[in-house]
C-alpha cells in the first residue's frame, strides 16, 4: 500500500473531512482489501458520520485480519456504548485493554460504562452475549435511578437534569458541574459546550453521555 494514500486519508480525517476519508479509503481498498490501517481509518470516519452498520462491518474485517488489534475492539466498545449496549461495550473495551494495556481512551470509556452498568445490575438482568463481534442486546439498559417528575426543557441538554446525569455516571463531580453551569450562564451556551470548553471532559465522552441521556429520556417518556 502506497504510504502517501494512507497519509492523505489521515490528513483528511484530522481535518474532519469524513466523507472524503471514506471515499479515499474505499478506492484504495478496492486494490488492497486486506489493508488494516485503511479499514480502521474508514471505520473511524463512518462512525463520525453515524454510519454505524458499515463501520461495524469494517471493524469485524479488521479483527478477522488482525485478531490482536486493540483499536478495533475499542471502537466496537464505543459503538456499543453509543447504542446503550453497555454489557457488550464492557466486553469489547476489556479486550481492547487486554491487547493494549496503555490505551488510555479504552480505559476512560470502560470507567464510564462501568458506572452506567453497576447501579442497574441488581434491578435488571442483562442477557448473555453469544459472541463478542457483532453481538447485540435486545433489552437495553434503563436510565440510572429514578428522575423526579418535572417538566423537561425543550432541549434536555440545556437543563439541570443533564447536569445531574453527568454526576450520576461519574463524568463530573458536583464542584465541576457548578463551574460548568457558571460558564454556561455567563457565555449563554449549552451545558455540554461549557463542559468541553472548560476541559472537564472530552467531546467524545460528552457526546456519548448526551446520546445516552436523551435515549433514557425517550424510553422514560
N, C-alpha and C. Protein backbone atom coordinates (compact mmCIF):
# COMPACT_ATOMS: atom_id res chain seq x y z
N UNK A 1 0.84 -1.20 0.00
CA UNK A 1 0.00 0.00 0.00
C UNK A 1 0.88 1.25 0.00
N UNK A 2 0.58 2.18 -0.90
CA UNK A 2 1.32 3.43 -1.00
C UNK A 2 1.10 4.25 0.27
N UNK A 3 2.22 4.59 0.93
CA UNK A 3 2.12 5.34 2.18
C UNK A 3 1.47 6.70 1.98
N UNK A 4 1.59 7.26 0.79
CA UNK A 4 1.01 8.58 0.53
C UNK A 4 -0.51 8.54 0.58
N UNK A 5 -1.10 7.41 0.19
CA UNK A 5 -2.55 7.27 0.24
C UNK A 5 -3.02 7.26 1.69
N UNK A 6 -2.34 6.49 2.52
CA UNK A 6 -2.69 6.45 3.93
C UNK A 6 -2.47 7.82 4.56
N UNK A 7 -1.38 8.47 4.20
CA UNK A 7 -1.11 9.80 4.73
C UNK A 7 -2.19 10.79 4.36
N UNK A 8 -2.66 10.72 3.11
CA UNK A 8 -3.73 11.62 2.68
C UNK A 8 -5.01 11.36 3.46
N UNK A 9 -5.32 10.08 3.68
CA UNK A 9 -6.53 9.74 4.43
C UNK A 9 -6.42 10.22 5.87
N UNK A 10 -5.24 10.10 6.46
CA UNK A 10 -5.03 10.57 7.84
C UNK A 10 -5.22 12.09 7.92
N UNK A 11 -4.68 12.82 6.94
CA UNK A 11 -4.82 14.28 6.93
C UNK A 11 -6.28 14.68 6.77
N UNK A 12 -7.00 13.99 5.90
CA UNK A 12 -8.43 14.29 5.70
C UNK A 12 -9.21 14.03 6.98
N UNK A 13 -8.86 12.96 7.68
CA UNK A 13 -9.55 12.65 8.93
C UNK A 13 -9.27 13.73 9.97
N UNK A 14 -8.01 14.15 10.07
CA UNK A 14 -7.65 15.18 11.03
C UNK A 14 -8.38 16.50 10.73
N UNK A 15 -8.65 16.73 9.45
CA UNK A 15 -9.38 17.94 9.04
C UNK A 15 -10.89 17.76 9.10
N UNK A 16 -11.35 16.60 9.53
CA UNK A 16 -12.76 16.28 9.69
C UNK A 16 -13.53 16.21 8.37
N UNK A 17 -12.81 15.89 7.31
CA UNK A 17 -13.46 15.67 6.01
C UNK A 17 -13.82 14.18 5.90
N UNK A 18 -14.77 13.76 6.73
CA UNK A 18 -15.04 12.34 6.87
C UNK A 18 -15.57 11.68 5.59
N UNK A 19 -16.46 12.33 4.82
CA UNK A 19 -16.89 11.70 3.56
C UNK A 19 -15.72 11.46 2.61
N UNK A 20 -14.76 12.40 2.59
CA UNK A 20 -13.59 12.23 1.73
C UNK A 20 -12.72 11.09 2.21
N UNK A 21 -12.61 10.93 3.52
CA UNK A 21 -11.85 9.79 4.07
C UNK A 21 -12.45 8.48 3.60
N UNK A 22 -13.77 8.39 3.69
CA UNK A 22 -14.46 7.17 3.26
C UNK A 22 -14.20 6.91 1.79
N UNK A 23 -14.27 7.94 0.96
CA UNK A 23 -14.08 7.78 -0.48
C UNK A 23 -12.65 7.35 -0.81
N UNK A 24 -11.66 8.02 -0.19
CA UNK A 24 -10.26 7.68 -0.45
C UNK A 24 -9.95 6.25 -0.03
N UNK A 25 -10.42 5.87 1.15
CA UNK A 25 -10.18 4.52 1.66
C UNK A 25 -10.87 3.47 0.80
N UNK A 26 -12.07 3.77 0.35
CA UNK A 26 -12.82 2.82 -0.48
C UNK A 26 -12.07 2.55 -1.78
N UNK A 27 -11.58 3.60 -2.42
CA UNK A 27 -10.82 3.43 -3.67
C UNK A 27 -9.56 2.60 -3.43
N UNK A 28 -8.84 2.91 -2.36
CA UNK A 28 -7.60 2.20 -2.07
C UNK A 28 -7.87 0.74 -1.70
N UNK A 29 -8.95 0.50 -0.98
CA UNK A 29 -9.25 -0.87 -0.54
C UNK A 29 -9.71 -1.75 -1.68
N UNK A 30 -10.18 -1.15 -2.77
CA UNK A 30 -10.52 -1.96 -3.95
C UNK A 30 -9.30 -2.71 -4.46
N UNK A 31 -8.13 -2.07 -4.35
CA UNK A 31 -6.91 -2.72 -4.81
C UNK A 31 -6.15 -3.44 -3.73
N UNK A 32 -6.45 -3.10 -2.47
CA UNK A 32 -5.73 -3.70 -1.33
C UNK A 32 -6.71 -3.96 -0.20
N UNK A 33 -7.60 -4.94 -0.37
CA UNK A 33 -8.69 -5.15 0.61
C UNK A 33 -8.23 -5.62 1.98
N UNK A 34 -6.98 -6.05 2.11
CA UNK A 34 -6.51 -6.55 3.40
C UNK A 34 -5.73 -5.51 4.19
N UNK A 35 -5.75 -4.25 3.75
CA UNK A 35 -5.01 -3.20 4.46
C UNK A 35 -5.77 -2.81 5.74
N UNK A 36 -5.26 -3.22 6.87
CA UNK A 36 -5.91 -2.99 8.16
C UNK A 36 -5.97 -1.50 8.48
N UNK A 37 -4.89 -0.78 8.20
CA UNK A 37 -4.85 0.64 8.56
C UNK A 37 -5.94 1.43 7.84
N UNK A 38 -6.14 1.12 6.55
CA UNK A 38 -7.18 1.83 5.80
C UNK A 38 -8.57 1.47 6.30
N UNK A 39 -8.78 0.23 6.64
CA UNK A 39 -10.10 -0.18 7.16
C UNK A 39 -10.39 0.50 8.50
N UNK A 40 -9.38 0.64 9.32
CA UNK A 40 -9.58 1.33 10.60
C UNK A 40 -9.91 2.81 10.37
N UNK A 41 -9.20 3.43 9.44
CA UNK A 41 -9.48 4.84 9.14
C UNK A 41 -10.90 5.01 8.61
N UNK A 42 -11.29 4.11 7.72
CA UNK A 42 -12.64 4.22 7.17
C UNK A 42 -13.68 3.97 8.26
N UNK A 43 -13.43 3.00 9.12
CA UNK A 43 -14.37 2.73 10.22
C UNK A 43 -14.52 3.94 11.12
N UNK A 44 -13.42 4.61 11.45
CA UNK A 44 -13.48 5.80 12.31
C UNK A 44 -14.28 6.91 11.64
N UNK A 45 -14.08 7.09 10.33
CA UNK A 45 -14.83 8.12 9.61
C UNK A 45 -16.31 7.76 9.53
N UNK A 46 -16.61 6.50 9.30
CA UNK A 46 -18.00 6.06 9.24
C UNK A 46 -18.70 6.26 10.58
N UNK A 47 -17.99 6.03 11.67
CA UNK A 47 -18.57 6.26 12.99
C UNK A 47 -18.90 7.73 13.19
N UNK A 48 -18.02 8.60 12.72
CA UNK A 48 -18.28 10.03 12.81
C UNK A 48 -19.49 10.44 11.98
N UNK A 49 -19.72 9.72 10.89
CA UNK A 49 -20.85 10.01 10.01
C UNK A 49 -22.12 9.30 10.45
N UNK A 50 -22.06 8.57 11.56
CA UNK A 50 -23.19 7.82 12.10
C UNK A 50 -23.62 6.67 11.17
N UNK A 51 -22.70 6.19 10.37
CA UNK A 51 -22.97 5.04 9.51
C UNK A 51 -22.46 3.80 10.24
N UNK A 52 -23.14 3.50 11.34
CA UNK A 52 -22.66 2.51 12.30
C UNK A 52 -22.57 1.10 11.73
N UNK A 53 -23.54 0.70 10.93
CA UNK A 53 -23.55 -0.66 10.41
C UNK A 53 -22.35 -0.89 9.51
N UNK A 54 -22.05 0.09 8.65
CA UNK A 54 -20.89 -0.03 7.77
C UNK A 54 -19.60 -0.05 8.57
N UNK A 55 -19.53 0.80 9.59
CA UNK A 55 -18.34 0.84 10.44
C UNK A 55 -18.13 -0.50 11.14
N UNK A 56 -19.22 -1.07 11.61
CA UNK A 56 -19.12 -2.36 12.30
C UNK A 56 -18.60 -3.43 11.34
N UNK A 57 -19.03 -3.38 10.08
CA UNK A 57 -18.54 -4.34 9.09
C UNK A 57 -17.04 -4.23 8.89
N UNK A 58 -16.53 -2.99 8.81
CA UNK A 58 -15.09 -2.80 8.66
C UNK A 58 -14.34 -3.30 9.89
N UNK A 59 -14.88 -3.05 11.06
CA UNK A 59 -14.20 -3.46 12.29
C UNK A 59 -14.18 -4.98 12.44
N UNK A 60 -15.26 -5.63 12.02
CA UNK A 60 -15.24 -7.10 12.02
C UNK A 60 -14.14 -7.64 11.11
N UNK A 61 -14.00 -7.01 9.93
CA UNK A 61 -12.99 -7.46 8.98
C UNK A 61 -11.59 -7.21 9.53
N UNK A 62 -11.40 -6.09 10.22
CA UNK A 62 -10.10 -5.81 10.84
C UNK A 62 -9.75 -6.90 11.85
N UNK A 63 -10.73 -7.28 12.68
CA UNK A 63 -10.47 -8.31 13.68
C UNK A 63 -10.18 -9.65 13.03
N UNK A 64 -10.82 -9.91 11.90
CA UNK A 64 -10.53 -11.16 11.17
C UNK A 64 -9.11 -11.16 10.64
N UNK A 65 -8.69 -9.99 10.11
CA UNK A 65 -7.35 -9.88 9.53
C UNK A 65 -6.28 -9.73 10.60
N UNK A 66 -6.61 -9.04 11.68
CA UNK A 66 -5.62 -8.75 12.74
C UNK A 66 -6.28 -8.96 14.10
N UNK A 67 -6.39 -10.21 14.55
CA UNK A 67 -7.13 -10.51 15.79
C UNK A 67 -6.60 -9.81 17.03
N UNK A 68 -5.38 -9.30 16.98
CA UNK A 68 -4.81 -8.63 18.15
C UNK A 68 -4.84 -7.11 18.03
N UNK A 69 -5.72 -6.61 17.18
CA UNK A 69 -5.84 -5.16 17.00
C UNK A 69 -6.74 -4.58 18.10
N UNK A 70 -6.13 -4.03 19.13
CA UNK A 70 -6.89 -3.49 20.24
C UNK A 70 -7.78 -2.33 19.85
N UNK A 71 -7.33 -1.50 18.90
CA UNK A 71 -8.12 -0.34 18.49
C UNK A 71 -9.47 -0.75 17.92
N UNK A 72 -9.50 -1.85 17.18
CA UNK A 72 -10.78 -2.31 16.61
C UNK A 72 -11.76 -2.67 17.72
N UNK A 73 -11.27 -3.32 18.76
CA UNK A 73 -12.14 -3.66 19.88
C UNK A 73 -12.59 -2.42 20.64
N UNK A 74 -11.69 -1.44 20.77
CA UNK A 74 -12.09 -0.21 21.45
C UNK A 74 -13.19 0.52 20.67
N UNK A 75 -13.05 0.58 19.35
CA UNK A 75 -14.06 1.26 18.53
C UNK A 75 -15.40 0.52 18.59
N UNK A 76 -15.36 -0.80 18.64
CA UNK A 76 -16.60 -1.57 18.81
C UNK A 76 -17.21 -1.28 20.18
N UNK A 77 -16.36 -1.11 21.18
CA UNK A 77 -16.86 -0.76 22.51
C UNK A 77 -17.52 0.60 22.53
N UNK A 78 -16.92 1.57 21.86
CA UNK A 78 -17.51 2.91 21.79
C UNK A 78 -18.85 2.85 21.05
N UNK A 79 -18.89 2.07 19.98
CA UNK A 79 -20.13 1.94 19.21
C UNK A 79 -21.23 1.31 20.06
N UNK A 80 -20.88 0.26 20.81
CA UNK A 80 -21.87 -0.39 21.67
C UNK A 80 -22.34 0.56 22.77
N UNK A 81 -21.42 1.34 23.33
CA UNK A 81 -21.80 2.29 24.37
C UNK A 81 -22.75 3.34 23.83
N UNK A 82 -22.50 3.79 22.60
CA UNK A 82 -23.36 4.79 21.99
C UNK A 82 -24.76 4.24 21.76
N UNK A 83 -24.88 2.93 21.64
CA UNK A 83 -26.19 2.30 21.45
C UNK A 83 -26.82 1.89 22.78
N UNK A 84 -26.20 2.25 23.88
CA UNK A 84 -26.66 1.85 25.22
C UNK A 84 -26.50 0.35 25.47
N UNK A 85 -25.68 -0.33 24.69
CA UNK A 85 -25.42 -1.76 24.89
C UNK A 85 -24.20 -1.89 25.80
N UNK A 86 -24.42 -1.58 27.07
CA UNK A 86 -23.32 -1.41 27.99
C UNK A 86 -22.55 -2.69 28.28
N UNK A 87 -23.25 -3.80 28.37
CA UNK A 87 -22.54 -5.05 28.66
C UNK A 87 -21.65 -5.45 27.48
N UNK A 88 -22.14 -5.26 26.26
CA UNK A 88 -21.30 -5.51 25.09
C UNK A 88 -20.11 -4.57 25.09
N UNK A 89 -20.37 -3.32 25.42
CA UNK A 89 -19.28 -2.33 25.46
C UNK A 89 -18.19 -2.75 26.43
N UNK A 90 -18.58 -3.26 27.58
CA UNK A 90 -17.59 -3.70 28.58
C UNK A 90 -16.72 -4.81 28.02
N UNK A 91 -17.33 -5.76 27.32
CA UNK A 91 -16.57 -6.89 26.77
C UNK A 91 -15.54 -6.39 25.76
N UNK A 92 -15.99 -5.52 24.85
CA UNK A 92 -15.07 -5.01 23.83
C UNK A 92 -13.95 -4.19 24.45
N UNK A 93 -14.30 -3.32 25.40
CA UNK A 93 -13.30 -2.43 25.98
C UNK A 93 -12.29 -3.20 26.83
N UNK A 94 -12.76 -4.21 27.53
CA UNK A 94 -11.83 -5.04 28.31
C UNK A 94 -10.86 -5.79 27.40
N UNK A 95 -11.37 -6.26 26.27
CA UNK A 95 -10.49 -6.93 25.32
C UNK A 95 -9.49 -5.95 24.73
N UNK A 96 -9.93 -4.72 24.46
CA UNK A 96 -9.03 -3.70 23.95
C UNK A 96 -7.90 -3.44 24.93
N UNK A 97 -8.22 -3.38 26.22
CA UNK A 97 -7.20 -3.14 27.24
C UNK A 97 -6.31 -4.35 27.45
N UNK A 98 -6.86 -5.53 27.27
CA UNK A 98 -6.03 -6.73 27.39
C UNK A 98 -4.96 -6.73 26.29
N UNK A 99 -5.38 -6.32 25.09
CA UNK A 99 -4.46 -6.29 23.95
C UNK A 99 -3.51 -5.10 24.01
N UNK A 100 -3.99 -3.99 24.57
CA UNK A 100 -3.17 -2.78 24.69
C UNK A 100 -3.43 -2.13 26.03
N UNK A 101 -2.71 -2.56 27.07
CA UNK A 101 -2.94 -2.02 28.42
C UNK A 101 -2.71 -0.52 28.54
N UNK A 102 -2.05 0.09 27.56
CA UNK A 102 -1.75 1.52 27.62
C UNK A 102 -2.77 2.37 26.85
N UNK A 103 -3.84 1.75 26.39
CA UNK A 103 -4.86 2.50 25.66
C UNK A 103 -5.69 3.32 26.65
N UNK A 104 -5.33 4.58 26.79
CA UNK A 104 -5.98 5.45 27.79
C UNK A 104 -7.46 5.67 27.46
N UNK A 105 -7.76 5.82 26.18
CA UNK A 105 -9.16 6.06 25.79
C UNK A 105 -10.04 4.87 26.13
N UNK A 106 -9.54 3.67 25.89
CA UNK A 106 -10.31 2.47 26.24
C UNK A 106 -10.54 2.41 27.74
N UNK A 107 -9.51 2.77 28.51
CA UNK A 107 -9.63 2.78 29.96
C UNK A 107 -10.67 3.79 30.43
N UNK A 108 -10.63 4.99 29.85
CA UNK A 108 -11.59 6.02 30.23
C UNK A 108 -13.02 5.60 29.88
N UNK A 109 -13.19 5.04 28.70
CA UNK A 109 -14.53 4.59 28.30
C UNK A 109 -15.05 3.50 29.23
N UNK A 110 -14.15 2.58 29.63
CA UNK A 110 -14.57 1.49 30.49
C UNK A 110 -15.05 2.01 31.84
N UNK A 111 -14.39 3.03 32.37
CA UNK A 111 -14.83 3.63 33.63
C UNK A 111 -16.25 4.17 33.51
N UNK A 112 -16.50 4.89 32.41
CA UNK A 112 -17.83 5.46 32.20
C UNK A 112 -18.88 4.37 32.05
N UNK A 113 -18.57 3.35 31.25
CA UNK A 113 -19.54 2.27 31.03
C UNK A 113 -19.78 1.49 32.32
N UNK A 114 -18.73 1.22 33.09
CA UNK A 114 -18.91 0.52 34.36
C UNK A 114 -19.83 1.30 35.29
N UNK A 115 -19.69 2.61 35.30
CA UNK A 115 -20.56 3.44 36.14
C UNK A 115 -22.00 3.39 35.69
N UNK A 116 -22.21 3.13 34.40
CA UNK A 116 -23.57 3.01 33.88
C UNK A 116 -24.19 1.67 34.25
N UNK A 117 -23.37 0.62 34.28
CA UNK A 117 -23.88 -0.73 34.47
C UNK A 117 -24.13 -1.05 35.93
N UNK A 118 -23.21 -0.69 36.81
CA UNK A 118 -23.29 -1.14 38.21
C UNK A 118 -24.58 -0.77 38.92
N UNK A 119 -25.08 0.47 38.81
CA UNK A 119 -26.28 0.80 39.56
C UNK A 119 -27.52 0.04 39.10
N UNK A 120 -27.52 -0.49 37.87
CA UNK A 120 -28.71 -1.15 37.35
C UNK A 120 -28.60 -2.67 37.37
N UNK A 121 -27.43 -3.19 37.78
CA UNK A 121 -27.21 -4.63 37.68
C UNK A 121 -28.20 -5.43 38.50
N UNK A 122 -28.51 -4.94 39.69
CA UNK A 122 -29.43 -5.68 40.56
C UNK A 122 -30.88 -5.56 40.10
N UNK A 123 -31.17 -4.46 39.43
CA UNK A 123 -32.57 -4.21 39.05
C UNK A 123 -32.95 -4.88 37.75
N UNK A 124 -31.97 -5.09 36.89
CA UNK A 124 -32.31 -5.62 35.58
C UNK A 124 -31.24 -6.58 35.11
N UNK A 125 -31.60 -7.82 34.86
CA UNK A 125 -30.63 -8.82 34.44
C UNK A 125 -30.39 -8.67 32.94
N UNK A 126 -29.14 -8.52 32.57
CA UNK A 126 -28.81 -8.36 31.16
C UNK A 126 -28.66 -9.72 30.50
N UNK A 127 -29.09 -9.86 29.23
CA UNK A 127 -28.94 -11.14 28.53
C UNK A 127 -27.48 -11.44 28.25
N UNK A 128 -27.15 -12.72 28.17
CA UNK A 128 -25.78 -13.13 27.86
C UNK A 128 -25.47 -12.81 26.40
N UNK A 129 -24.20 -12.63 26.11
CA UNK A 129 -23.77 -12.33 24.74
C UNK A 129 -23.23 -13.61 24.12
N UNK A 130 -23.80 -14.01 22.99
CA UNK A 130 -23.39 -15.26 22.37
C UNK A 130 -22.01 -15.15 21.74
N UNK A 131 -21.72 -14.01 21.14
CA UNK A 131 -20.41 -13.83 20.51
C UNK A 131 -20.02 -12.37 20.65
N UNK A 132 -18.72 -12.12 20.80
CA UNK A 132 -18.28 -10.75 21.02
C UNK A 132 -18.50 -9.88 19.80
N UNK A 133 -18.03 -10.29 18.66
CA UNK A 133 -18.11 -9.44 17.47
C UNK A 133 -19.48 -9.56 16.84
N UNK A 134 -20.15 -8.42 16.68
CA UNK A 134 -21.44 -8.38 16.03
C UNK A 134 -22.60 -8.74 16.93
N UNK A 135 -22.35 -8.99 18.20
CA UNK A 135 -23.44 -9.35 19.10
C UNK A 135 -24.30 -8.14 19.39
N UNK A 136 -25.58 -8.36 19.69
CA UNK A 136 -26.47 -7.25 20.03
C UNK A 136 -27.26 -7.62 21.26
N UNK A 137 -27.71 -6.62 21.99
CA UNK A 137 -28.51 -6.82 23.19
C UNK A 137 -29.91 -6.30 22.93
N UNK A 138 -30.91 -7.18 22.84
CA UNK A 138 -32.25 -6.72 22.53
C UNK A 138 -32.87 -5.89 23.64
N UNK A 139 -32.49 -6.16 24.88
CA UNK A 139 -33.06 -5.45 26.02
C UNK A 139 -32.09 -4.41 26.51
N UNK A 140 -32.41 -3.12 26.35
CA UNK A 140 -31.46 -2.07 26.65
C UNK A 140 -31.45 -1.71 28.13
N UNK A 141 -30.30 -1.20 28.56
CA UNK A 141 -30.17 -0.78 29.94
C UNK A 141 -31.01 0.47 30.17
N UNK A 142 -31.77 0.48 31.26
CA UNK A 142 -32.63 1.61 31.55
C UNK A 142 -31.85 2.74 32.20
N UNK A 143 -32.48 3.89 32.29
CA UNK A 143 -31.81 5.07 32.87
C UNK A 143 -31.44 4.80 34.32
N UNK A 144 -30.36 5.43 34.78
CA UNK A 144 -29.91 5.25 36.15
C UNK A 144 -30.86 5.93 37.12
N UNK A 145 -31.26 5.16 38.14
CA UNK A 145 -32.09 5.76 39.20
C UNK A 145 -33.42 6.24 38.68
N UNK A 146 -34.13 6.92 39.54
CA UNK A 146 -35.42 7.49 39.16
C UNK A 146 -35.31 8.99 39.15
N UNK A 147 -35.83 9.61 38.10
CA UNK A 147 -35.78 11.05 37.98
C UNK A 147 -37.07 11.65 38.52
N UNK A 148 -37.03 12.82 39.12
CA UNK A 148 -38.24 13.45 39.61
C UNK A 148 -39.18 13.79 38.47
N UNK A 149 -40.45 13.75 38.73
CA UNK A 149 -41.44 14.03 37.69
C UNK A 149 -41.63 15.53 37.57
N UNK A 150 -40.86 16.11 36.65
CA UNK A 150 -40.94 17.54 36.41
C UNK A 150 -41.00 17.80 34.93
N UNK A 151 -41.45 18.99 34.56
CA UNK A 151 -41.49 19.35 33.16
C UNK A 151 -40.06 19.48 32.64
N UNK A 152 -39.78 18.85 31.53
CA UNK A 152 -38.43 18.87 30.98
C UNK A 152 -38.30 19.97 29.95
N UNK A 153 -37.13 20.57 29.86
CA UNK A 153 -36.94 21.62 28.88
C UNK A 153 -37.00 21.07 27.47
N UNK A 154 -37.17 21.96 26.52
CA UNK A 154 -37.27 21.54 25.13
C UNK A 154 -36.01 20.82 24.69
N UNK A 155 -34.87 21.37 25.06
CA UNK A 155 -33.59 20.72 24.80
C UNK A 155 -33.04 20.23 26.13
N UNK A 156 -33.12 18.92 26.42
CA UNK A 156 -32.73 18.43 27.74
C UNK A 156 -31.27 18.69 28.08
N UNK A 157 -30.41 18.88 27.06
CA UNK A 157 -29.01 19.12 27.35
C UNK A 157 -28.82 20.49 28.00
N UNK A 158 -29.80 21.39 27.81
CA UNK A 158 -29.71 22.71 28.41
C UNK A 158 -30.14 22.68 29.88
N UNK A 159 -30.86 21.67 30.31
CA UNK A 159 -31.49 21.68 31.61
C UNK A 159 -30.66 21.04 32.71
N UNK A 160 -31.12 21.19 33.95
CA UNK A 160 -30.38 20.66 35.11
C UNK A 160 -30.36 19.14 35.17
N UNK A 161 -31.35 18.48 34.53
CA UNK A 161 -31.37 17.02 34.57
C UNK A 161 -30.11 16.43 33.94
N UNK A 162 -29.64 17.05 32.86
CA UNK A 162 -28.45 16.54 32.20
C UNK A 162 -27.22 16.70 33.11
N UNK A 163 -27.16 17.81 33.83
CA UNK A 163 -26.06 18.01 34.76
C UNK A 163 -26.04 16.94 35.85
N UNK A 164 -27.23 16.65 36.40
CA UNK A 164 -27.30 15.60 37.43
C UNK A 164 -26.90 14.24 36.85
N UNK A 165 -27.27 14.04 35.60
CA UNK A 165 -26.94 12.78 34.93
C UNK A 165 -25.41 12.64 34.78
N UNK A 166 -24.72 13.72 34.45
CA UNK A 166 -23.27 13.68 34.30
C UNK A 166 -22.59 13.33 35.62
N UNK A 167 -23.16 13.79 36.73
CA UNK A 167 -22.64 13.40 38.05
C UNK A 167 -22.95 11.93 38.32
N UNK A 168 -24.15 11.52 37.96
CA UNK A 168 -24.61 10.16 38.25
C UNK A 168 -23.74 9.11 37.57
N UNK A 169 -23.28 9.39 36.35
CA UNK A 169 -22.45 8.42 35.62
C UNK A 169 -20.97 8.60 35.90
N UNK A 170 -20.63 9.57 36.76
CA UNK A 170 -19.24 9.76 37.15
C UNK A 170 -18.40 10.60 36.21
N UNK A 171 -19.04 11.29 35.25
CA UNK A 171 -18.27 12.10 34.31
C UNK A 171 -17.86 13.44 34.93
N UNK A 172 -18.69 13.97 35.84
CA UNK A 172 -18.37 15.22 36.53
C UNK A 172 -18.55 15.04 38.04
N UNK A 173 -17.84 15.86 38.79
CA UNK A 173 -18.09 15.98 40.23
C UNK A 173 -19.05 17.15 40.44
N UNK A 174 -19.69 17.23 41.60
CA UNK A 174 -20.59 18.38 41.84
C UNK A 174 -19.89 19.72 41.68
N UNK A 175 -18.65 19.83 42.14
CA UNK A 175 -17.93 21.10 42.01
C UNK A 175 -17.66 21.44 40.56
N UNK A 176 -17.30 20.44 39.78
CA UNK A 176 -17.05 20.70 38.36
C UNK A 176 -18.33 21.06 37.63
N UNK A 177 -19.44 20.46 38.04
CA UNK A 177 -20.71 20.82 37.43
C UNK A 177 -21.04 22.29 37.72
N UNK A 178 -20.78 22.72 38.95
CA UNK A 178 -21.05 24.12 39.30
C UNK A 178 -20.24 25.06 38.40
N UNK A 179 -18.99 24.71 38.16
CA UNK A 179 -18.15 25.53 37.30
C UNK A 179 -18.69 25.57 35.88
N UNK A 180 -19.15 24.41 35.40
CA UNK A 180 -19.68 24.34 34.04
C UNK A 180 -20.98 25.15 33.92
N UNK A 181 -21.83 25.07 34.95
CA UNK A 181 -23.09 25.81 34.94
C UNK A 181 -22.82 27.32 34.96
N UNK A 182 -21.83 27.74 35.74
CA UNK A 182 -21.47 29.16 35.79
C UNK A 182 -21.00 29.64 34.41
N UNK A 183 -20.18 28.82 33.78
CA UNK A 183 -19.70 29.17 32.43
C UNK A 183 -20.86 29.18 31.44
N UNK A 184 -21.75 28.21 31.58
CA UNK A 184 -22.92 28.13 30.69
C UNK A 184 -23.75 29.41 30.76
N UNK A 185 -24.02 29.85 31.97
CA UNK A 185 -24.85 31.04 32.16
C UNK A 185 -24.14 32.30 31.68
N UNK A 186 -22.83 32.35 31.94
CA UNK A 186 -22.07 33.53 31.55
C UNK A 186 -21.96 33.66 30.03
N UNK A 187 -21.70 32.53 29.35
CA UNK A 187 -21.47 32.57 27.91
C UNK A 187 -22.73 32.28 27.11
N UNK A 188 -23.83 31.89 27.83
CA UNK A 188 -25.10 31.57 27.16
C UNK A 188 -24.92 30.47 26.11
N UNK A 189 -24.33 29.37 26.55
CA UNK A 189 -24.11 28.21 25.69
C UNK A 189 -24.77 26.99 26.33
N UNK A 190 -24.79 25.88 25.60
CA UNK A 190 -25.30 24.63 26.16
C UNK A 190 -24.36 24.13 27.26
N UNK A 191 -24.92 23.34 28.15
CA UNK A 191 -24.10 22.78 29.22
C UNK A 191 -22.99 21.90 28.65
N UNK A 192 -23.33 21.12 27.62
CA UNK A 192 -22.32 20.25 27.01
C UNK A 192 -21.17 21.07 26.45
N UNK A 193 -21.49 22.21 25.83
CA UNK A 193 -20.45 23.10 25.30
C UNK A 193 -19.58 23.65 26.42
N UNK A 194 -20.20 24.00 27.53
CA UNK A 194 -19.45 24.53 28.67
C UNK A 194 -18.50 23.49 29.24
N UNK A 195 -18.97 22.26 29.36
CA UNK A 195 -18.13 21.18 29.90
C UNK A 195 -16.90 20.98 29.03
N UNK A 196 -17.09 20.99 27.71
CA UNK A 196 -15.97 20.80 26.78
C UNK A 196 -15.04 22.00 26.80
N UNK A 197 -15.61 23.20 26.80
CA UNK A 197 -14.80 24.43 26.77
C UNK A 197 -13.89 24.53 27.98
N UNK A 198 -14.36 24.07 29.12
CA UNK A 198 -13.56 24.13 30.35
C UNK A 198 -12.59 22.96 30.48
N UNK A 199 -12.67 22.03 29.55
CA UNK A 199 -11.78 20.88 29.59
C UNK A 199 -12.13 19.87 30.67
N UNK A 200 -13.40 19.84 31.08
CA UNK A 200 -13.82 18.93 32.15
C UNK A 200 -14.06 17.51 31.65
N UNK A 201 -14.29 17.36 30.36
CA UNK A 201 -14.48 16.04 29.74
C UNK A 201 -14.23 16.19 28.25
N UNK A 202 -13.84 15.10 27.61
CA UNK A 202 -13.56 15.15 26.18
C UNK A 202 -14.85 15.28 25.38
N UNK A 203 -14.80 15.87 24.18
CA UNK A 203 -16.00 15.99 23.35
C UNK A 203 -16.67 14.65 23.10
N UNK A 204 -15.86 13.59 22.91
CA UNK A 204 -16.42 12.27 22.62
C UNK A 204 -17.23 11.75 23.80
N UNK A 205 -16.72 11.93 25.02
CA UNK A 205 -17.45 11.46 26.19
C UNK A 205 -18.73 12.25 26.42
N UNK A 206 -18.65 13.57 26.19
CA UNK A 206 -19.85 14.39 26.36
C UNK A 206 -20.90 14.02 25.32
N UNK A 207 -20.44 13.77 24.09
CA UNK A 207 -21.37 13.37 23.03
C UNK A 207 -22.06 12.06 23.40
N UNK A 208 -21.26 11.10 23.86
CA UNK A 208 -21.85 9.81 24.24
C UNK A 208 -22.83 9.97 25.39
N UNK A 209 -22.46 10.76 26.39
CA UNK A 209 -23.34 10.96 27.54
C UNK A 209 -24.65 11.61 27.11
N UNK A 210 -24.57 12.57 26.19
CA UNK A 210 -25.78 13.24 25.70
C UNK A 210 -26.69 12.26 24.97
N UNK A 211 -26.08 11.40 24.15
CA UNK A 211 -26.87 10.40 23.42
C UNK A 211 -27.54 9.42 24.39
N UNK A 212 -26.76 8.97 25.38
CA UNK A 212 -27.31 8.02 26.36
C UNK A 212 -28.42 8.68 27.17
N UNK A 213 -28.22 9.94 27.57
CA UNK A 213 -29.21 10.66 28.36
C UNK A 213 -30.50 10.86 27.57
N UNK A 214 -30.36 11.31 26.32
CA UNK A 214 -31.55 11.53 25.51
C UNK A 214 -32.28 10.23 25.23
N UNK A 215 -31.51 9.12 25.08
CA UNK A 215 -32.13 7.83 24.88
C UNK A 215 -32.93 7.38 26.09
N UNK A 216 -32.37 7.63 27.29
CA UNK A 216 -33.08 7.25 28.52
C UNK A 216 -34.30 8.10 28.71
N UNK A 217 -34.23 9.38 28.31
CA UNK A 217 -35.38 10.26 28.41
C UNK A 217 -36.51 9.81 27.50
N UNK A 218 -36.12 9.37 26.28
CA UNK A 218 -37.14 8.91 25.33
C UNK A 218 -37.83 7.66 25.82
N UNK A 219 -37.05 6.73 26.42
CA UNK A 219 -37.66 5.50 26.90
C UNK A 219 -38.55 5.75 28.11
N UNK A 220 -38.21 6.78 28.91
CA UNK A 220 -39.00 7.07 30.11
C UNK A 220 -40.28 7.81 29.77
N UNK A 221 -40.31 8.45 28.60
CA UNK A 221 -41.47 9.26 28.22
C UNK A 221 -42.72 8.39 27.96
